[in-house]
């Protein structure tokens, strides 16, 4: 009877060990990424500079309204190295099948007293699937990315230099 329990325990342990896994290394935490900045230029001048930045970086806009000062875009890749999504790997019993990143960028331009303020809201997430070679299951995964500050810095520098 004891032998049967030991064999059953070993078999269960081995079967559980034959399952593939997705290993997600979280993104590095980025701090002090300013998402808004004020400039001592007119709304019209800043608006045109922001539009020129989008054009210079070949970012396709989803929505643009000069009247409300709102611009939005969503895509799989805005700007090189704009996000840190961590690292997704599989163990030896799984195969990565699909990996995608989706990002959303909203920019507002507002008059604040004698200045013009630009605010950037930038989000991104990753998702995908892997094949569990042990059990044959699909392993779905997803997570949030963090901004590296490179996109924001690019816009601030473009407006300052214009």
N, C-alpha and C. Protein backbone atom coordinates (compact mmCIF):
# COMPACT_ATOMS: atom_id res chain seq x y z
N UNK A 1 0.82 -1.19 0.00
CA UNK A 1 0.00 0.00 0.00
C UNK A 1 0.87 1.27 0.00
N UNK A 2 1.92 1.28 0.83
CA UNK A 2 2.84 2.42 0.88
C UNK A 2 3.54 2.60 -0.46
N UNK A 3 3.94 1.51 -1.10
CA UNK A 3 4.59 1.57 -2.40
C UNK A 3 3.66 2.19 -3.44
N UNK A 4 2.40 1.83 -3.41
CA UNK A 4 1.41 2.36 -4.36
C UNK A 4 1.26 3.87 -4.18
N UNK A 5 1.25 4.35 -2.95
CA UNK A 5 1.14 5.79 -2.68
C UNK A 5 2.39 6.53 -3.18
N UNK A 6 3.53 5.94 -2.97
CA UNK A 6 4.78 6.57 -3.42
C UNK A 6 4.80 6.66 -4.94
N UNK A 7 4.45 5.56 -5.61
CA UNK A 7 4.41 5.55 -7.08
C UNK A 7 3.40 6.58 -7.59
N UNK A 8 2.22 6.62 -6.98
CA UNK A 8 1.20 7.58 -7.39
C UNK A 8 1.70 9.01 -7.21
N UNK A 9 2.35 9.29 -6.10
CA UNK A 9 2.88 10.63 -5.83
C UNK A 9 3.96 11.00 -6.84
N UNK A 10 4.85 10.07 -7.15
CA UNK A 10 5.91 10.33 -8.12
C UNK A 10 5.33 10.58 -9.51
N UNK A 11 4.36 9.78 -9.92
CA UNK A 11 3.73 9.95 -11.24
C UNK A 11 3.04 11.31 -11.31
N UNK A 12 2.30 11.69 -10.26
CA UNK A 12 1.63 13.00 -10.25
C UNK A 12 2.66 14.12 -10.34
N UNK A 13 3.74 14.01 -9.60
CA UNK A 13 4.78 15.02 -9.61
C UNK A 13 5.39 15.15 -11.01
N UNK A 14 5.66 14.02 -11.65
CA UNK A 14 6.23 14.04 -12.99
C UNK A 14 5.27 14.63 -14.00
N UNK A 15 3.99 14.30 -13.89
CA UNK A 15 3.00 14.84 -14.82
C UNK A 15 2.87 16.34 -14.66
N UNK A 16 2.87 16.81 -13.43
CA UNK A 16 2.78 18.25 -13.20
C UNK A 16 4.03 18.95 -13.72
N UNK A 17 5.14 18.29 -13.68
CA UNK A 17 6.39 18.85 -14.16
C UNK A 17 6.49 18.89 -15.67
N UNK A 18 5.56 18.27 -16.38
CA UNK A 18 5.59 18.22 -17.84
C UNK A 18 4.73 19.32 -18.46
N UNK A 19 4.47 20.35 -17.72
CA UNK A 19 3.65 21.44 -18.22
C UNK A 19 4.55 22.61 -18.61
N UNK A 20 4.30 23.18 -19.78
CA UNK A 20 5.05 24.33 -20.22
C UNK A 20 4.62 25.58 -19.50
N UNK A 21 5.52 26.57 -19.43
CA UNK A 21 5.23 27.81 -18.72
C UNK A 21 5.71 29.01 -19.52
N UNK A 22 4.99 30.12 -19.34
CA UNK A 22 5.41 31.42 -19.87
C UNK A 22 5.99 32.18 -18.71
N UNK A 23 7.18 32.72 -18.90
CA UNK A 23 7.87 33.46 -17.85
C UNK A 23 7.91 34.92 -18.25
N UNK A 24 7.30 35.77 -17.44
CA UNK A 24 7.23 37.20 -17.74
C UNK A 24 8.10 37.95 -16.75
N UNK A 25 9.12 38.61 -17.27
CA UNK A 25 9.95 39.48 -16.43
C UNK A 25 9.35 40.87 -16.52
N UNK A 26 8.95 41.41 -15.40
CA UNK A 26 8.29 42.72 -15.36
C UNK A 26 9.21 43.80 -15.92
N UNK A 27 8.61 44.86 -16.50
CA UNK A 27 9.43 45.97 -17.00
C UNK A 27 10.11 46.68 -15.84
N UNK A 28 11.22 47.33 -16.17
CA UNK A 28 11.90 48.14 -15.17
C UNK A 28 11.01 49.33 -14.84
N UNK A 29 11.00 49.73 -13.60
CA UNK A 29 10.20 50.89 -13.21
C UNK A 29 10.92 52.16 -13.64
N UNK A 30 10.25 52.97 -14.41
CA UNK A 30 10.79 54.24 -14.85
C UNK A 30 10.13 55.33 -14.01
N UNK A 31 10.93 56.17 -13.41
CA UNK A 31 10.37 57.23 -12.58
C UNK A 31 10.70 58.59 -13.18
N UNK A 32 9.99 59.58 -12.73
CA UNK A 32 10.23 60.96 -13.13
C UNK A 32 10.13 61.20 -14.63
N UNK A 33 9.14 60.61 -15.25
CA UNK A 33 8.87 60.90 -16.65
C UNK A 33 7.76 61.95 -16.67
N UNK A 34 8.11 63.21 -16.94
CA UNK A 34 7.07 64.25 -16.93
C UNK A 34 6.10 64.03 -18.10
N UNK A 35 4.81 64.12 -17.79
CA UNK A 35 3.84 63.93 -18.86
C UNK A 35 3.22 65.25 -19.31
N UNK A 36 3.64 66.37 -18.70
CA UNK A 36 3.16 67.66 -19.19
C UNK A 36 4.27 68.70 -19.06
N UNK A 37 4.18 69.71 -19.91
CA UNK A 37 5.17 70.78 -19.90
C UNK A 37 4.51 72.04 -20.46
N UNK A 38 4.89 73.18 -19.87
CA UNK A 38 4.38 74.47 -20.34
C UNK A 38 5.45 75.18 -21.15
N UNK A 39 4.97 75.91 -22.17
CA UNK A 39 5.86 76.65 -23.06
C UNK A 39 5.36 78.09 -23.16
N UNK A 40 6.28 79.03 -23.29
CA UNK A 40 5.90 80.44 -23.40
C UNK A 40 5.74 80.83 -24.86
N UNK A 41 4.86 80.14 -25.52
CA UNK A 41 4.54 80.44 -26.93
C UNK A 41 3.03 80.36 -27.08
N UNK A 42 2.53 80.91 -28.17
CA UNK A 42 1.09 80.93 -28.39
C UNK A 42 0.54 79.52 -28.64
N UNK A 43 -0.74 79.38 -28.39
CA UNK A 43 -1.43 78.11 -28.65
C UNK A 43 -1.23 77.69 -30.11
N UNK A 44 -1.41 78.64 -31.03
CA UNK A 44 -1.29 78.33 -32.46
C UNK A 44 0.10 77.82 -32.81
N UNK A 45 1.14 78.46 -32.27
CA UNK A 45 2.51 78.03 -32.57
C UNK A 45 2.78 76.63 -32.00
N UNK A 46 2.37 76.41 -30.76
CA UNK A 46 2.59 75.10 -30.13
C UNK A 46 1.79 74.03 -30.86
N UNK A 47 0.55 74.32 -31.20
CA UNK A 47 -0.29 73.35 -31.92
C UNK A 47 0.40 72.89 -33.20
N UNK A 48 0.91 73.83 -33.98
CA UNK A 48 1.58 73.49 -35.24
C UNK A 48 2.85 72.67 -34.98
N UNK A 49 3.58 72.98 -33.93
CA UNK A 49 4.79 72.23 -33.62
C UNK A 49 4.45 70.79 -33.21
N UNK A 50 3.39 70.63 -32.45
CA UNK A 50 2.96 69.28 -32.05
C UNK A 50 2.55 68.48 -33.29
N UNK A 51 1.79 69.09 -34.18
CA UNK A 51 1.37 68.41 -35.41
C UNK A 51 2.59 68.05 -36.26
N UNK A 52 3.55 68.98 -36.34
CA UNK A 52 4.77 68.69 -37.10
C UNK A 52 5.56 67.54 -36.49
N UNK A 53 5.57 67.43 -35.14
CA UNK A 53 6.26 66.32 -34.48
C UNK A 53 5.62 64.98 -34.87
N UNK A 54 4.28 64.93 -34.85
CA UNK A 54 3.59 63.70 -35.27
C UNK A 54 3.97 63.35 -36.71
N UNK A 55 3.98 64.35 -37.59
CA UNK A 55 4.32 64.11 -38.99
C UNK A 55 5.78 63.66 -39.13
N UNK A 56 6.69 64.30 -38.41
CA UNK A 56 8.11 63.96 -38.50
C UNK A 56 8.38 62.53 -38.02
N UNK A 57 7.54 62.04 -37.11
CA UNK A 57 7.71 60.69 -36.59
C UNK A 57 6.78 59.68 -37.26
N UNK A 58 6.08 60.13 -38.31
CA UNK A 58 5.22 59.26 -39.11
C UNK A 58 4.20 58.50 -38.24
N UNK A 59 3.58 59.22 -37.31
CA UNK A 59 2.57 58.63 -36.44
C UNK A 59 1.19 58.95 -37.00
N UNK A 60 0.47 57.93 -37.35
CA UNK A 60 -0.86 58.08 -37.93
C UNK A 60 -1.85 58.44 -36.83
N UNK A 61 -2.60 59.51 -37.05
CA UNK A 61 -3.55 60.00 -36.05
C UNK A 61 -4.91 59.33 -36.19
N UNK A 62 -5.51 59.02 -35.04
CA UNK A 62 -6.88 58.51 -35.03
C UNK A 62 -7.88 59.65 -34.95
N UNK A 63 -7.52 60.68 -34.19
CA UNK A 63 -8.42 61.80 -33.97
C UNK A 63 -7.59 63.06 -33.77
N UNK A 64 -8.06 64.17 -34.36
CA UNK A 64 -7.39 65.45 -34.18
C UNK A 64 -8.44 66.54 -34.15
N UNK A 65 -8.36 67.42 -33.14
CA UNK A 65 -9.29 68.54 -33.03
C UNK A 65 -8.55 69.75 -32.49
N UNK A 66 -8.30 70.70 -33.36
CA UNK A 66 -7.61 71.93 -32.92
C UNK A 66 -8.47 72.69 -31.92
N UNK A 67 -9.75 72.68 -32.13
CA UNK A 67 -10.67 73.41 -31.24
C UNK A 67 -10.58 72.91 -29.79
N UNK A 68 -10.57 71.59 -29.62
CA UNK A 68 -10.49 71.03 -28.26
C UNK A 68 -9.04 70.82 -27.81
N UNK A 69 -8.10 70.87 -28.75
CA UNK A 69 -6.70 70.65 -28.43
C UNK A 69 -6.36 69.20 -28.19
N UNK A 70 -7.13 68.30 -28.77
CA UNK A 70 -6.96 66.87 -28.51
C UNK A 70 -6.47 66.13 -29.75
N UNK A 71 -5.45 65.27 -29.55
CA UNK A 71 -4.91 64.44 -30.62
C UNK A 71 -4.76 63.03 -30.04
N UNK A 72 -5.16 62.02 -30.81
CA UNK A 72 -4.97 60.65 -30.34
C UNK A 72 -4.46 59.77 -31.47
N UNK A 73 -3.75 58.74 -31.05
CA UNK A 73 -3.22 57.74 -31.98
C UNK A 73 -3.11 56.43 -31.23
N UNK A 74 -3.31 55.34 -31.93
CA UNK A 74 -3.08 54.02 -31.34
C UNK A 74 -2.48 53.12 -32.40
N UNK A 75 -1.48 52.37 -32.00
CA UNK A 75 -0.74 51.56 -32.96
C UNK A 75 0.07 50.51 -32.22
N UNK A 76 0.74 49.69 -32.96
CA UNK A 76 1.59 48.69 -32.34
C UNK A 76 2.99 49.24 -32.06
N UNK A 77 3.36 50.34 -32.70
CA UNK A 77 4.69 50.88 -32.47
C UNK A 77 4.72 52.36 -32.83
N UNK A 78 4.77 53.23 -31.83
CA UNK A 78 4.81 54.68 -32.06
C UNK A 78 6.20 55.18 -32.37
N UNK A 79 7.08 54.81 -31.50
CA UNK A 79 8.37 55.47 -31.45
C UNK A 79 9.37 54.46 -30.91
N UNK A 80 10.51 54.37 -31.52
CA UNK A 80 11.52 53.39 -31.10
C UNK A 80 11.85 53.54 -29.61
N UNK A 81 11.76 52.43 -28.91
CA UNK A 81 12.09 52.37 -27.47
C UNK A 81 11.21 53.26 -26.59
N UNK A 82 9.99 53.53 -27.01
CA UNK A 82 9.09 54.35 -26.19
C UNK A 82 8.63 53.62 -24.94
N UNK A 83 8.63 52.29 -24.97
CA UNK A 83 8.13 51.50 -23.86
C UNK A 83 9.11 50.43 -23.44
N UNK A 84 9.00 50.05 -22.19
CA UNK A 84 9.67 48.85 -21.68
C UNK A 84 8.55 47.89 -21.30
N UNK A 85 8.45 46.81 -22.02
CA UNK A 85 7.40 45.81 -21.76
C UNK A 85 7.96 44.60 -21.02
N UNK A 86 9.15 44.72 -20.50
CA UNK A 86 9.76 43.58 -19.82
C UNK A 86 10.23 42.56 -20.83
N UNK A 87 10.23 41.31 -20.41
CA UNK A 87 10.72 40.24 -21.27
C UNK A 87 9.81 39.03 -21.11
N UNK A 88 9.40 38.46 -22.21
CA UNK A 88 8.55 37.27 -22.20
C UNK A 88 9.35 36.12 -22.77
N UNK A 89 9.45 35.05 -21.99
CA UNK A 89 10.16 33.85 -22.43
C UNK A 89 9.32 32.64 -22.07
N UNK A 90 9.68 31.52 -22.65
CA UNK A 90 9.03 30.26 -22.30
C UNK A 90 10.08 29.30 -21.77
N UNK A 91 9.62 28.34 -20.96
CA UNK A 91 10.56 27.31 -20.53
C UNK A 91 10.71 26.30 -21.66
N UNK A 92 11.46 25.23 -21.43
CA UNK A 92 11.77 24.27 -22.50
C UNK A 92 10.54 23.49 -22.97
N UNK A 93 9.46 23.48 -22.19
CA UNK A 93 8.27 22.74 -22.58
C UNK A 93 7.18 23.61 -23.20
N UNK A 94 7.53 24.81 -23.60
CA UNK A 94 6.56 25.70 -24.24
C UNK A 94 7.23 26.42 -25.41
N UNK A 95 6.40 26.82 -26.38
CA UNK A 95 6.88 27.54 -27.55
C UNK A 95 6.07 28.81 -27.70
N UNK A 96 6.75 29.94 -27.80
CA UNK A 96 6.07 31.22 -28.01
C UNK A 96 5.49 31.24 -29.42
N UNK A 97 4.18 31.50 -29.52
CA UNK A 97 3.51 31.52 -30.83
C UNK A 97 3.21 32.92 -31.32
N UNK A 98 2.77 33.78 -30.40
CA UNK A 98 2.33 35.11 -30.82
C UNK A 98 2.69 36.11 -29.72
N UNK A 99 3.21 37.27 -30.13
CA UNK A 99 3.51 38.35 -29.20
C UNK A 99 3.19 39.66 -29.90
N UNK A 100 2.40 40.52 -29.24
CA UNK A 100 2.05 41.82 -29.81
C UNK A 100 2.05 42.88 -28.73
N UNK A 101 2.29 44.11 -29.16
CA UNK A 101 2.20 45.26 -28.27
C UNK A 101 1.21 46.24 -28.89
N UNK A 102 0.40 46.84 -28.05
CA UNK A 102 -0.57 47.84 -28.49
C UNK A 102 -0.41 49.06 -27.62
N UNK A 103 -0.26 50.21 -28.24
CA UNK A 103 -0.07 51.43 -27.47
C UNK A 103 -1.08 52.50 -27.87
N UNK A 104 -1.32 53.38 -26.94
CA UNK A 104 -2.27 54.46 -27.13
C UNK A 104 -1.64 55.77 -26.69
N UNK A 105 -1.76 56.78 -27.51
CA UNK A 105 -1.15 58.08 -27.23
C UNK A 105 -2.22 59.16 -27.36
N UNK A 106 -2.41 59.90 -26.28
CA UNK A 106 -3.31 61.06 -26.28
C UNK A 106 -2.50 62.29 -25.91
N UNK A 107 -2.63 63.34 -26.70
CA UNK A 107 -1.93 64.59 -26.43
C UNK A 107 -2.96 65.70 -26.39
N UNK A 108 -2.86 66.53 -25.36
CA UNK A 108 -3.72 67.71 -25.30
C UNK A 108 -2.85 68.96 -25.29
N UNK A 109 -3.35 69.99 -25.93
CA UNK A 109 -2.70 71.30 -25.97
C UNK A 109 -3.70 72.29 -25.39
N UNK A 110 -3.29 73.01 -24.35
CA UNK A 110 -4.19 73.92 -23.65
C UNK A 110 -3.49 75.26 -23.37
N UNK A 111 -4.27 76.33 -23.39
CA UNK A 111 -3.78 77.63 -22.96
C UNK A 111 -3.89 77.70 -21.45
N UNK A 112 -2.77 78.08 -20.80
CA UNK A 112 -2.73 78.23 -19.35
C UNK A 112 -2.13 79.60 -19.06
N UNK A 113 -2.98 80.57 -18.79
CA UNK A 113 -2.50 81.94 -18.61
C UNK A 113 -1.84 82.44 -19.87
N UNK A 114 -0.59 82.87 -19.77
CA UNK A 114 0.16 83.35 -20.93
C UNK A 114 0.94 82.23 -21.62
N UNK A 115 0.87 81.03 -21.07
CA UNK A 115 1.62 79.89 -21.59
C UNK A 115 0.71 78.90 -22.31
N UNK A 116 1.33 77.93 -22.94
CA UNK A 116 0.61 76.82 -23.57
C UNK A 116 1.15 75.53 -22.97
N UNK A 117 0.25 74.68 -22.54
CA UNK A 117 0.63 73.44 -21.87
C UNK A 117 0.32 72.25 -22.77
N UNK A 118 1.31 71.36 -22.89
CA UNK A 118 1.12 70.09 -23.61
C UNK A 118 1.11 68.98 -22.57
N UNK A 119 0.12 68.10 -22.66
CA UNK A 119 0.04 66.94 -21.78
C UNK A 119 0.02 65.68 -22.63
N UNK A 120 0.84 64.71 -22.25
CA UNK A 120 0.92 63.43 -22.97
C UNK A 120 0.43 62.32 -22.06
N UNK A 121 -0.52 61.54 -22.54
CA UNK A 121 -0.95 60.32 -21.85
C UNK A 121 -0.61 59.15 -22.76
N UNK A 122 0.28 58.32 -22.28
CA UNK A 122 0.85 57.25 -23.09
C UNK A 122 0.69 55.93 -22.34
N UNK A 123 0.04 54.96 -22.96
CA UNK A 123 -0.12 53.65 -22.34
C UNK A 123 0.22 52.57 -23.36
N UNK A 124 0.62 51.42 -22.84
CA UNK A 124 0.91 50.29 -23.73
C UNK A 124 0.72 49.00 -22.95
N UNK A 125 0.38 47.98 -23.69
CA UNK A 125 0.25 46.65 -23.11
C UNK A 125 0.77 45.63 -24.10
N UNK A 126 1.11 44.46 -23.59
CA UNK A 126 1.53 43.38 -24.46
C UNK A 126 0.63 42.18 -24.20
N UNK A 127 0.53 41.33 -25.20
CA UNK A 127 -0.29 40.13 -25.07
C UNK A 127 0.21 39.10 -26.07
N UNK A 128 -0.18 37.88 -25.84
CA UNK A 128 0.23 36.84 -26.77
C UNK A 128 -0.17 35.47 -26.29
N UNK A 129 0.42 34.47 -26.94
CA UNK A 129 0.12 33.09 -26.57
C UNK A 129 1.34 32.22 -26.83
N UNK A 130 1.37 31.13 -26.09
CA UNK A 130 2.42 30.14 -26.25
C UNK A 130 1.75 28.77 -26.28
N UNK A 131 2.43 27.81 -26.84
CA UNK A 131 1.92 26.44 -26.90
C UNK A 131 2.61 25.62 -25.82
N UNK A 132 1.81 24.97 -24.98
CA UNK A 132 2.31 24.08 -23.95
C UNK A 132 2.61 22.74 -24.62
N UNK A 133 3.88 22.45 -24.84
CA UNK A 133 4.27 21.22 -25.54
C UNK A 133 4.07 19.98 -24.69
N UNK A 134 3.90 20.16 -23.39
CA UNK A 134 3.67 19.02 -22.51
C UNK A 134 2.23 18.55 -22.56
N UNK A 135 1.29 19.48 -22.41
CA UNK A 135 -0.14 19.13 -22.36
C UNK A 135 -0.90 19.52 -23.63
N UNK A 136 -0.27 20.30 -24.51
CA UNK A 136 -0.94 20.69 -25.74
C UNK A 136 -1.88 21.87 -25.59
N UNK A 137 -1.85 22.55 -24.47
CA UNK A 137 -2.73 23.68 -24.23
C UNK A 137 -2.16 24.97 -24.80
N UNK A 138 -3.03 25.95 -24.96
CA UNK A 138 -2.60 27.29 -25.32
C UNK A 138 -2.45 28.09 -24.03
N UNK A 139 -1.32 28.75 -23.88
CA UNK A 139 -1.04 29.55 -22.70
C UNK A 139 -1.13 31.02 -23.08
N UNK A 140 -2.17 31.69 -22.67
CA UNK A 140 -2.32 33.12 -22.95
C UNK A 140 -1.60 33.93 -21.90
N UNK A 141 -1.13 35.12 -22.28
CA UNK A 141 -0.47 36.01 -21.33
C UNK A 141 -0.68 37.45 -21.76
N UNK A 142 -0.54 38.35 -20.82
CA UNK A 142 -0.64 39.79 -21.11
C UNK A 142 -0.02 40.55 -19.96
N UNK A 143 0.24 41.83 -20.19
CA UNK A 143 0.80 42.68 -19.15
C UNK A 143 0.89 44.12 -19.59
N UNK A 144 1.27 44.98 -18.67
CA UNK A 144 1.39 46.40 -18.95
C UNK A 144 2.84 46.78 -19.19
N UNK A 145 3.03 47.71 -20.09
CA UNK A 145 4.35 48.26 -20.37
C UNK A 145 4.48 49.60 -19.64
N UNK A 146 5.70 50.09 -19.49
CA UNK A 146 5.92 51.40 -18.89
C UNK A 146 6.69 52.28 -19.88
N UNK A 147 6.45 53.56 -19.77
CA UNK A 147 7.13 54.51 -20.64
C UNK A 147 8.60 54.61 -20.25
N UNK A 148 9.45 54.72 -21.25
CA UNK A 148 10.87 54.96 -21.00
C UNK A 148 11.17 56.45 -20.92
N UNK A 149 10.21 57.29 -21.33
CA UNK A 149 10.41 58.73 -21.35
C UNK A 149 10.98 59.25 -22.65
N UNK A 150 11.34 58.34 -23.56
CA UNK A 150 11.98 58.77 -24.81
C UNK A 150 11.00 59.48 -25.74
N UNK A 151 9.76 59.01 -25.81
CA UNK A 151 8.77 59.67 -26.67
C UNK A 151 8.47 61.06 -26.12
N UNK A 152 8.23 61.15 -24.81
CA UNK A 152 7.94 62.45 -24.20
C UNK A 152 9.09 63.42 -24.42
N UNK A 153 10.32 62.96 -24.18
CA UNK A 153 11.50 63.81 -24.38
C UNK A 153 11.62 64.27 -25.82
N UNK A 154 11.30 63.39 -26.73
CA UNK A 154 11.36 63.74 -28.15
C UNK A 154 10.41 64.89 -28.47
N UNK A 155 9.19 64.81 -27.96
CA UNK A 155 8.22 65.88 -28.21
C UNK A 155 8.67 67.18 -27.54
N UNK A 156 9.09 67.09 -26.27
CA UNK A 156 9.53 68.32 -25.58
C UNK A 156 10.69 68.97 -26.33
N UNK A 157 11.66 68.20 -26.73
CA UNK A 157 12.82 68.74 -27.44
C UNK A 157 12.45 69.31 -28.80
N UNK A 158 11.54 68.67 -29.50
CA UNK A 158 11.09 69.16 -30.81
C UNK A 158 10.44 70.51 -30.66
N UNK A 159 9.58 70.66 -29.66
CA UNK A 159 8.87 71.94 -29.46
C UNK A 159 9.86 73.01 -29.01
N UNK A 160 10.78 72.68 -28.12
CA UNK A 160 11.77 73.66 -27.64
C UNK A 160 12.66 74.17 -28.77
N UNK A 161 13.02 73.27 -29.70
CA UNK A 161 13.94 73.62 -30.77
C UNK A 161 13.26 74.31 -31.94
N UNK A 162 11.96 74.25 -32.01
CA UNK A 162 11.23 74.85 -33.15
C UNK A 162 11.05 76.35 -32.97
